[in-house]
Amino acid sequence: MSRNENLMSENLKTEIAKELGVYDIVKRDGGWGNVSAKQCGSMVAKAIEIANRNVQS
C-alpha cells in the first residue's frame, strides 16, 4: 500500500477533526501538516470507535 493512499475520506477526517477541536488548525494552516501526532492518534481512535459502532449495528 502506498504511503499516500488515503484510508479515511476527507469528509470523515474533517468531521472527526471538528468534533475533536482540531479543524481550526487544518483550516488556519490550509492542510493537515501541522496537526500533532497526538491529535492524529486521537482522530484515528475516534475513527476506529465509529467503525466499531457501524459494524455492531
N, C-alpha and C. Protein backbone atom coordinates (compact mmCIF):
# COMPACT_ATOMS: atom_id res chain seq x y z
N MET A 1 0.84 -1.17 0.00
CA MET A 1 0.00 0.00 0.00
C MET A 1 0.89 1.23 0.00
N SER A 2 0.56 2.16 -0.86
CA SER A 2 1.34 3.38 -0.98
C SER A 2 1.15 4.27 0.25
N ARG A 3 2.17 4.97 0.58
CA ARG A 3 2.13 5.84 1.77
C ARG A 3 1.12 6.96 1.60
N ASN A 4 0.86 7.38 0.38
CA ASN A 4 -0.05 8.50 0.12
C ASN A 4 -1.50 8.08 -0.04
N GLU A 5 -1.76 6.80 0.02
CA GLU A 5 -3.12 6.32 -0.15
C GLU A 5 -3.95 6.72 1.08
N ASN A 6 -5.09 7.34 0.83
CA ASN A 6 -5.96 7.77 1.92
C ASN A 6 -6.78 6.61 2.44
N LEU A 7 -6.74 6.41 3.73
CA LEU A 7 -7.54 5.37 4.35
C LEU A 7 -8.86 5.92 4.87
N MET A 8 -8.89 7.21 5.15
CA MET A 8 -10.11 7.89 5.57
C MET A 8 -10.46 8.94 4.54
N SER A 9 -11.74 9.08 4.26
CA SER A 9 -12.16 10.12 3.33
C SER A 9 -11.92 11.49 3.95
N GLU A 10 -11.79 12.48 3.11
CA GLU A 10 -11.62 13.86 3.60
C GLU A 10 -12.82 14.27 4.44
N ASN A 11 -14.01 13.84 4.03
CA ASN A 11 -15.20 14.20 4.79
C ASN A 11 -15.16 13.63 6.20
N LEU A 12 -14.74 12.38 6.34
CA LEU A 12 -14.65 11.75 7.66
C LEU A 12 -13.58 12.44 8.50
N LYS A 13 -12.41 12.70 7.90
CA LYS A 13 -11.35 13.38 8.64
C LYS A 13 -11.81 14.75 9.13
N THR A 14 -12.50 15.48 8.26
CA THR A 14 -12.99 16.80 8.63
C THR A 14 -14.01 16.72 9.75
N GLU A 15 -14.94 15.77 9.64
CA GLU A 15 -15.97 15.59 10.67
C GLU A 15 -15.33 15.28 12.03
N ILE A 16 -14.39 14.36 12.04
CA ILE A 16 -13.72 13.98 13.29
C ILE A 16 -12.88 15.15 13.82
N ALA A 17 -12.18 15.85 12.94
CA ALA A 17 -11.36 16.99 13.36
C ALA A 17 -12.22 18.07 14.00
N LYS A 18 -13.37 18.32 13.43
CA LYS A 18 -14.29 19.31 14.01
C LYS A 18 -14.76 18.86 15.37
N GLU A 19 -15.12 17.59 15.49
CA GLU A 19 -15.61 17.05 16.76
C GLU A 19 -14.54 17.14 17.85
N LEU A 20 -13.29 16.94 17.49
CA LEU A 20 -12.20 16.94 18.47
C LEU A 20 -11.53 18.31 18.64
N GLY A 21 -12.01 19.31 17.89
CA GLY A 21 -11.45 20.65 18.01
C GLY A 21 -10.13 20.85 17.30
N VAL A 22 -9.83 20.01 16.34
CA VAL A 22 -8.56 20.07 15.61
C VAL A 22 -8.73 20.82 14.29
N TYR A 23 -9.93 20.95 13.82
CA TYR A 23 -10.16 21.50 12.48
C TYR A 23 -9.68 22.94 12.34
N ASP A 24 -9.67 23.70 13.42
CA ASP A 24 -9.18 25.09 13.35
C ASP A 24 -7.74 25.14 12.87
N ILE A 25 -6.93 24.18 13.30
CA ILE A 25 -5.52 24.11 12.86
C ILE A 25 -5.47 23.83 11.36
N VAL A 26 -6.27 22.88 10.91
CA VAL A 26 -6.29 22.50 9.50
C VAL A 26 -6.73 23.69 8.65
N LYS A 27 -7.80 24.34 9.08
CA LYS A 27 -8.34 25.47 8.34
C LYS A 27 -7.35 26.64 8.32
N ARG A 28 -6.74 26.93 9.47
CA ARG A 28 -5.81 28.05 9.57
C ARG A 28 -4.57 27.83 8.70
N ASP A 29 -4.05 26.61 8.72
CA ASP A 29 -2.80 26.31 8.03
C ASP A 29 -2.99 25.77 6.61
N GLY A 30 -4.22 25.52 6.22
CA GLY A 30 -4.50 25.06 4.87
C GLY A 30 -4.16 23.61 4.60
N GLY A 31 -4.05 22.81 5.64
CA GLY A 31 -3.75 21.39 5.44
C GLY A 31 -3.53 20.69 6.77
N TRP A 32 -3.18 19.42 6.68
CA TRP A 32 -3.05 18.56 7.85
C TRP A 32 -1.63 18.54 8.41
N GLY A 33 -0.69 19.23 7.79
CA GLY A 33 0.71 19.15 8.15
C GLY A 33 1.07 19.57 9.57
N ASN A 34 0.32 20.49 10.15
CA ASN A 34 0.65 20.98 11.49
C ASN A 34 -0.20 20.36 12.59
N VAL A 35 -0.97 19.34 12.26
CA VAL A 35 -1.72 18.61 13.27
C VAL A 35 -0.74 17.67 13.97
N SER A 36 -0.69 17.73 15.29
CA SER A 36 0.30 16.94 16.04
C SER A 36 0.02 15.45 15.95
N ALA A 37 1.04 14.68 16.23
CA ALA A 37 0.90 13.22 16.22
C ALA A 37 -0.14 12.78 17.25
N LYS A 38 -0.15 13.44 18.39
CA LYS A 38 -1.12 13.10 19.43
C LYS A 38 -2.55 13.36 18.94
N GLN A 39 -2.76 14.48 18.27
CA GLN A 39 -4.08 14.79 17.74
C GLN A 39 -4.46 13.81 16.64
N CYS A 40 -3.51 13.43 15.80
CA CYS A 40 -3.78 12.43 14.76
C CYS A 40 -4.16 11.10 15.39
N GLY A 41 -3.46 10.73 16.45
CA GLY A 41 -3.78 9.50 17.17
C GLY A 41 -5.19 9.53 17.73
N SER A 42 -5.60 10.68 18.25
CA SER A 42 -6.96 10.83 18.76
C SER A 42 -7.98 10.70 17.63
N MET A 43 -7.62 11.22 16.47
CA MET A 43 -8.53 11.11 15.32
C MET A 43 -8.66 9.65 14.87
N VAL A 44 -7.55 8.92 14.86
CA VAL A 44 -7.58 7.50 14.48
C VAL A 44 -8.42 6.71 15.48
N ALA A 45 -8.24 6.99 16.77
CA ALA A 45 -9.02 6.30 17.80
C ALA A 45 -10.51 6.56 17.60
N LYS A 46 -10.86 7.80 17.28
CA LYS A 46 -12.27 8.15 17.04
C LYS A 46 -12.79 7.43 15.80
N ALA A 47 -11.99 7.35 14.75
CA ALA A 47 -12.40 6.66 13.53
C ALA A 47 -12.64 5.18 13.80
N ILE A 48 -11.79 4.57 14.61
CA ILE A 48 -11.97 3.16 14.98
C ILE A 48 -13.24 2.99 15.79
N GLU A 49 -13.49 3.91 16.70
CA GLU A 49 -14.72 3.86 17.50
C GLU A 49 -15.96 3.93 16.60
N ILE A 50 -15.94 4.83 15.62
CA ILE A 50 -17.06 4.96 14.68
C ILE A 50 -17.22 3.68 13.87
N ALA A 51 -16.12 3.13 13.38
CA ALA A 51 -16.17 1.90 12.59
C ALA A 51 -16.73 0.74 13.41
N ASN A 52 -16.30 0.63 14.66
CA ASN A 52 -16.82 -0.44 15.52
C ASN A 52 -18.31 -0.28 15.76
N ARG A 53 -18.77 0.93 15.95
CA ARG A 53 -20.21 1.16 16.14
C ARG A 53 -20.99 0.74 14.89
N ASN A 54 -20.43 1.06 13.71
CA ASN A 54 -21.12 0.71 12.46
C ASN A 54 -21.16 -0.79 12.23
N VAL A 55 -20.13 -1.49 12.65
CA VAL A 55 -20.08 -2.95 12.49
C VAL A 55 -21.08 -3.62 13.42
N GLN A 56 -21.22 -3.09 14.62
CA GLN A 56 -22.10 -3.68 15.61
C GLN A 56 -23.57 -3.39 15.33
N SER A 57 -23.86 -2.41 14.50
CA SER A 57 -25.25 -2.05 14.19
C SER A 57 -25.92 -3.07 13.31
